[in-house]
Amino acid sequence: MPLSSLLDPASPWLVFTDLDGTLLEWSSYSPKIARPGLLRLRERGVPVVFCSSKTATEQRALRQELGIRAIPAIVENGAAIIVPESTGLPTAGWEPAPGEPGRRALALGLPVAEIQTRLDRVRARTGQALRGYRDISDADLAELTGLSVESAARARQRDFSETLVEVLDDETWAQLDAEFAREGLECRHGGRFHTVTGAGTDKGRAVRQVIELYESAYGRSVQSVGLGDSANDKPLLEAVDHAFLLALENGSWADLATDGLHRVGGRGPYGWVEVVDGLLDDGTDDTVKQKSETAETGSADV
């Protein structure tokens, strides 16, 4: 069955995508492989929403690299949503996004200073160092990840989460979950590190909020597609209508189970393009093409 048959041609749709290991290559963090798919989605008027542990600063740099402006962003594992005013989406009452003129932000998580205070209490009780981004330099993070020093600096500019670089076995992380919960925190493992946010903060909650924004703007229901590669993406994949789990760099899949999940053989961004091409290859450019129902879908951006 072709992937395009999953979509109702009479209904608009959105794409929510993780970044590292999904849209971006694993080691180079390059969007080069996925760029043609992004262009195809732009041509069809399909909004793409980045949904990642990356910070607002990191996502802004990626948007600039890709020439993308008018899209919402879900940052720091769903801890905040940032929406350009030009999209026409209903964000009345949202705060101005710090450092991003013309954008509005909705915080869904705890501020980073409060998270760090609570983490300090976990450290004191458990004796675990739980070394995080605040404890290392830009150069240290660049060495750990392969990022440039400039990119590492953007990654460390966190507003609603703390990323832990501590290396512990699975049993210890599981034992720490109770301590995090005691402090009203949650810790999730991404593709490389663990990210701590306020309890109840996850990608799925933010995805549902963005879907509601589009449905309010369109005045009707929308279909949602989600792509991810790690256990950290489970809330995202559970929140969408059509969920795709991409293969990891080693060809296996993350240990993740959710109803209706499609496992994709393509690895990372190769799988991303495979899914997007499959959804768009319906035999005609008019079947799924969306009308300019908001300023975003009619813009020259993805």
Protein backbone atom coordinates (compact mmCIF):
# COMPACT_ATOMS: atom_id res chain seq x y z
CA MET A 1 0.00 0.00 0.00
CA PRO A 2 1.56 3.36 -0.98
CA LEU A 3 2.17 5.78 1.88
CA SER A 4 0.16 8.47 0.09
CA SER A 5 -2.97 6.35 0.61
CA LEU A 6 -2.71 7.03 4.35
CA LEU A 7 -3.72 10.64 3.79
CA ASP A 8 -7.19 11.96 3.09
CA PRO A 9 -6.71 14.15 0.00
CA ALA A 10 -9.54 16.42 1.14
CA SER A 11 -7.86 17.34 4.43
CA PRO A 12 -4.77 19.52 5.06
CA TRP A 13 -1.83 17.97 6.83
CA LEU A 14 1.25 18.87 8.88
CA VAL A 15 4.64 17.24 9.42
CA PHE A 16 6.31 17.18 12.85
CA THR A 17 9.93 16.11 12.75
CA ASP A 18 12.70 15.39 15.19
CA LEU A 19 16.08 16.77 14.12
CA ASP A 20 19.25 14.93 15.23
CA GLY A 21 19.37 11.52 13.56
CA THR A 22 16.09 12.21 11.78
CA LEU A 23 16.17 15.32 9.60
CA LEU A 24 19.89 15.82 10.28
CA GLU A 25 22.81 13.47 9.70
CA TRP A 26 24.25 11.81 12.80
CA SER A 27 27.84 13.02 12.81
CA SER A 28 27.83 16.13 10.63
CA TYR A 29 24.42 17.47 11.79
CA SER A 30 23.86 18.44 8.15
CA PRO A 31 20.36 18.81 6.62
CA LYS A 32 21.73 18.20 3.12
CA ILE A 33 20.12 14.78 2.60
CA ALA A 34 16.66 15.90 3.71
CA ARG A 35 16.71 19.28 1.94
CA PRO A 36 15.03 18.00 -1.28
CA GLY A 37 12.16 16.58 0.80
CA LEU A 38 11.74 19.88 2.60
CA LEU A 39 11.57 21.66 -0.74
CA ARG A 40 8.91 19.24 -2.00
CA LEU A 41 6.82 19.86 1.11
CA ARG A 42 7.20 23.61 0.62
CA GLU A 43 6.02 23.33 -2.96
CA ARG A 44 2.95 21.43 -1.79
CA GLY A 45 2.17 23.93 0.96
CA VAL A 46 2.66 21.41 3.78
CA PRO A 47 3.88 23.03 7.03
CA VAL A 48 6.87 21.37 8.68
CA VAL A 49 7.31 21.83 12.43
CA PHE A 50 10.68 21.12 14.03
CA CYS A 51 10.17 19.21 17.30
CA SER A 52 13.45 18.59 19.04
CA SER A 53 15.54 18.79 22.19
CA LYS A 54 17.45 21.56 20.42
CA THR A 55 17.21 25.08 21.83
CA ALA A 56 15.47 28.03 20.22
CA THR A 57 18.90 29.41 19.32
CA GLU A 58 19.93 26.17 17.62
CA GLN A 59 16.69 25.87 15.69
CA ARG A 60 16.92 29.51 14.59
CA ALA A 61 20.38 28.86 13.13
CA LEU A 62 19.08 25.77 11.30
CA ARG A 63 16.12 27.69 9.88
CA GLN A 64 18.48 30.37 8.63
CA GLU A 65 20.71 27.73 7.02
CA LEU A 66 17.70 26.26 5.22
CA GLY A 67 16.12 29.59 4.33
CA ILE A 68 13.03 28.75 6.39
CA ARG A 69 11.21 31.46 8.29
CA ALA A 70 7.48 30.99 8.69
CA ILE A 71 7.22 27.77 10.69
CA PRO A 72 6.45 27.05 14.35
CA ALA A 73 9.17 25.48 16.47
CA ILE A 74 8.88 23.07 19.40
CA VAL A 75 12.07 23.40 21.43
CA GLU A 76 13.81 21.64 24.32
CA ASN A 77 11.71 18.46 24.20
CA GLY A 78 8.40 20.29 24.17
CA ALA A 79 9.22 22.78 26.92
CA ALA A 80 8.18 25.72 24.71
CA ILE A 81 6.48 26.51 21.41
CA ILE A 82 7.59 29.45 19.27
CA VAL A 83 5.29 30.68 16.50
CA PRO A 84 5.93 33.44 13.94
CA GLU A 85 3.17 36.05 13.93
CA SER A 86 3.24 35.88 10.12
CA THR A 87 1.68 32.40 10.20
CA GLY A 88 -1.66 33.85 11.23
CA LEU A 89 -1.98 31.16 13.88
CA PRO A 90 -3.96 32.24 16.98
CA THR A 91 -1.33 33.09 19.59
CA ALA A 92 -3.07 35.99 21.34
CA GLY A 93 -1.85 36.21 24.92
CA TRP A 94 1.48 34.48 24.23
CA GLU A 95 4.63 36.29 25.28
CA PRO A 96 7.08 37.79 22.77
CA ALA A 97 9.78 35.22 22.03
CA PRO A 98 13.10 36.34 23.60
CA GLY A 99 15.54 37.47 20.92
CA GLU A 100 13.13 36.67 18.09
CA PRO A 101 11.21 39.74 16.91
CA GLY A 102 7.92 38.89 15.25
CA ARG A 103 7.53 35.60 17.08
CA ARG A 104 5.42 34.56 20.06
CA ALA A 105 6.31 31.93 22.65
CA LEU A 106 4.34 29.69 24.98
CA ALA A 107 6.32 28.13 27.83
CA LEU A 108 5.10 24.67 28.84
CA GLY A 109 7.95 23.77 31.19
CA LEU A 110 9.96 25.01 34.15
CA PRO A 111 12.65 27.69 33.69
CA VAL A 112 16.17 26.29 33.55
CA ALA A 113 17.25 27.96 36.82
CA GLU A 114 14.53 26.07 38.71
CA ILE A 115 15.45 22.79 37.01
CA GLN A 116 19.09 23.25 37.99
CA THR A 117 18.13 23.98 41.61
CA ARG A 118 16.10 20.77 41.77
CA LEU A 119 18.89 18.82 40.08
CA ASP A 120 21.27 20.02 42.77
CA ARG A 121 19.03 18.41 45.38
CA VAL A 122 19.07 15.12 43.43
CA ARG A 123 22.87 15.32 43.29
CA ALA A 124 23.08 15.89 47.03
CA ARG A 125 20.80 12.97 47.90
CA THR A 126 22.28 10.42 45.48
CA GLY A 127 25.95 11.37 45.37
CA GLN A 128 25.80 11.26 41.57
CA ALA A 129 27.67 14.06 39.80
CA LEU A 130 25.05 14.26 37.01
CA ARG A 131 27.33 16.50 35.00
CA GLY A 132 25.39 18.68 32.57
CA TYR A 133 25.86 21.36 29.96
CA ARG A 134 26.20 24.02 32.66
CA ASP A 135 29.21 22.15 34.07
CA ILE A 136 31.25 22.06 30.87
CA SER A 137 32.56 24.61 28.39
CA ASP A 138 31.62 25.18 24.78
CA ALA A 139 34.91 23.55 23.77
CA ASP A 140 34.20 20.52 25.98
CA LEU A 141 30.80 20.02 24.37
CA ALA A 142 32.25 20.44 20.89
CA GLU A 143 34.76 17.69 21.65
CA LEU A 144 32.04 15.38 23.01
CA THR A 145 29.66 15.85 20.08
CA GLY A 146 31.62 16.88 17.03
CA LEU A 147 29.76 20.17 16.90
CA SER A 148 31.61 23.35 16.08
CA VAL A 149 32.38 25.53 19.10
CA GLU A 150 29.80 28.04 17.84
CA SER A 151 27.13 25.33 17.56
CA ALA A 152 28.04 23.99 21.00
CA ALA A 153 27.54 27.46 22.44
CA ARG A 154 24.04 27.57 20.94
CA ALA A 155 23.27 24.14 22.38
CA ARG A 156 24.21 25.33 25.86
CA GLN A 157 21.82 28.32 25.70
CA ARG A 158 18.97 26.42 27.36
CA ASP A 159 15.89 28.14 28.75
CA PHE A 160 13.68 25.26 29.92
CA SER A 161 15.85 22.15 30.33
CA GLU A 162 19.24 20.80 31.29
CA THR A 163 21.08 18.18 29.26
CA LEU A 164 23.16 15.67 31.21
CA VAL A 165 26.36 14.29 29.71
CA GLU A 166 26.95 11.87 32.57
CA VAL A 167 27.60 8.28 31.45
CA LEU A 168 25.73 5.78 33.65
CA ASP A 169 24.33 2.30 33.13
CA ASP A 170 20.65 1.77 32.40
CA GLU A 171 19.96 0.43 35.89
CA THR A 172 21.32 3.56 37.53
CA TRP A 173 19.31 5.83 35.25
CA ALA A 174 16.19 3.83 36.11
CA GLN A 175 16.90 4.23 39.83
CA LEU A 176 17.35 7.97 39.35
CA ASP A 177 13.91 8.30 37.79
CA ALA A 178 12.29 8.17 41.24
CA GLU A 179 14.58 10.96 42.46
CA PHE A 180 13.77 13.10 39.45
CA ALA A 181 10.05 12.50 39.98
CA ARG A 182 10.39 13.49 43.64
CA GLU A 183 11.59 16.89 42.42
CA GLY A 184 8.90 17.27 39.77
CA LEU A 185 11.34 16.51 36.97
CA GLU A 186 11.50 14.05 34.09
CA CYS A 187 14.62 12.70 32.41
CA ARG A 188 14.53 11.34 28.87
CA HIS A 189 17.24 9.68 26.85
CA GLY A 190 17.76 11.12 23.39
CA GLY A 191 20.12 9.88 20.75
CA ARG A 192 23.22 10.80 22.75
CA PHE A 193 22.52 12.40 26.14
CA HIS A 194 19.77 12.65 28.76
CA THR A 195 17.59 15.77 28.95
CA VAL A 196 15.84 16.88 32.15
CA THR A 197 12.66 18.97 32.02
CA GLY A 198 9.78 19.75 34.33
CA ALA A 199 7.33 16.88 34.85
CA GLY A 200 4.54 16.78 32.29
CA THR A 201 6.70 18.43 29.66
CA ASP A 202 7.08 16.36 26.52
CA LYS A 203 7.00 16.62 22.76
CA GLY A 204 3.52 15.12 22.53
CA ARG A 205 1.85 17.80 24.61
CA ALA A 206 3.44 20.51 22.47
CA VAL A 207 2.52 18.71 19.23
CA ARG A 208 -1.13 18.53 20.27
CA GLN A 209 -1.08 22.23 21.09
CA VAL A 210 0.28 23.09 17.62
CA ILE A 211 -2.29 20.85 15.94
CA GLU A 212 -5.02 22.76 17.81
CA LEU A 213 -3.56 26.05 16.55
CA TYR A 214 -3.76 24.90 12.95
CA GLU A 215 -7.25 23.46 13.35
CA SER A 216 -8.41 26.74 14.85
CA ALA A 217 -6.83 28.70 11.99
CA TYR A 218 -8.18 26.36 9.29
CA GLY A 219 -11.59 25.91 10.90
CA ARG A 220 -11.42 22.15 10.39
CA SER A 221 -9.45 19.09 11.40
CA VAL A 222 -5.95 18.45 10.07
CA GLN A 223 -3.95 15.28 9.59
CA SER A 224 -0.60 15.00 11.33
CA VAL A 225 2.55 13.08 10.40
CA GLY A 226 5.44 12.53 12.82
CA LEU A 227 9.00 11.34 12.23
CA GLY A 228 11.57 10.38 14.87
CA ASP A 229 14.32 7.90 15.62
CA SER A 230 14.69 7.50 19.39
CA ALA A 231 12.76 6.67 22.56
CA ASN A 232 12.76 10.41 23.24
CA ASP A 233 10.37 10.75 20.29
CA LYS A 234 7.69 8.43 21.68
CA PRO A 235 5.42 11.26 22.93
CA LEU A 236 5.69 12.95 19.53
CA LEU A 237 4.87 9.77 17.66
CA GLU A 238 1.93 8.99 19.94
CA ALA A 239 0.43 12.44 19.38
CA VAL A 240 0.16 12.27 15.56
CA ASP A 241 -2.13 10.43 13.18
CA HIS A 242 0.66 8.77 11.21
CA ALA A 243 3.90 7.94 13.07
CA PHE A 244 7.16 6.87 11.44
CA LEU A 245 10.16 5.48 13.35
CA LEU A 246 13.36 5.79 11.31
CA ALA A 247 16.22 3.32 11.56
CA LEU A 248 19.21 4.27 13.67
CA GLU A 249 22.67 4.67 12.19
CA ASN A 250 23.42 0.97 12.87
CA GLY A 251 20.30 -0.13 10.98
CA SER A 252 18.29 -1.15 14.04
CA TRP A 253 15.29 0.63 15.55
CA ALA A 254 14.90 2.20 18.95
CA ASP A 255 13.00 0.01 21.42
CA LEU A 256 9.73 1.85 21.05
CA ALA A 257 6.20 0.52 20.79
CA THR A 258 3.09 2.54 20.03
CA ASP A 259 -0.09 1.73 18.15
CA GLY A 260 0.06 2.14 14.40
CA LEU A 261 3.79 2.84 14.31
CA HIS A 262 5.45 2.49 10.90
CA ARG A 263 9.08 1.32 11.07
CA VAL A 264 11.14 2.66 8.20
CA GLY A 265 14.15 0.80 6.85
CA GLY A 266 15.93 3.95 5.74
CA ARG A 267 18.45 5.25 8.26
CA GLY A 268 17.98 8.73 9.69
CA PRO A 269 17.58 11.40 7.00
CA TYR A 270 17.55 8.73 4.26
CA GLY A 271 14.44 7.29 5.88
CA TRP A 272 13.06 10.81 6.29
CA VAL A 273 13.24 11.40 2.55
CA GLU A 274 11.80 7.93 1.92
CA VAL A 275 8.72 8.77 4.00
CA VAL A 276 8.20 12.25 2.57
CA ASP A 277 8.59 11.04 -1.01
CA GLY A 278 6.16 8.20 -0.32
CA LEU A 279 3.54 10.54 1.14
CA LEU A 280 3.85 12.98 -1.75
CA ASP A 281 4.04 10.47 -4.59
CA ASP A 282 0.31 10.26 -5.21
CA GLY A 283 0.41 10.51 -8.98
CA THR A 284 -0.79 14.11 -9.18
CA ASP A 285 0.35 17.40 -7.78
CA ASP A 286 -3.24 18.41 -7.01
CA THR A 287 -4.41 15.54 -4.82
CA VAL A 288 -2.76 16.54 -1.55
CA LYS A 289 -1.69 20.09 -2.38
CA GLN A 290 -3.01 22.49 0.21
CA LYS A 291 -4.52 25.89 -0.32
CA SER A 292 -3.10 29.00 1.31
CA GLU A 293 -5.34 28.87 4.37
CA THR A 294 -2.89 30.82 6.52
CA ALA A 295 -0.05 33.20 5.79
CA GLU A 296 2.35 30.32 6.47
CA THR A 297 1.10 27.90 3.84
CA GLY A 298 1.05 30.66 1.27
CA SER A 299 4.58 31.87 2.05
CA ALA A 300 7.74 31.11 0.13
CA ASP A 301 9.05 29.13 3.09
CA VAL A 302 8.56 25.58 4.22
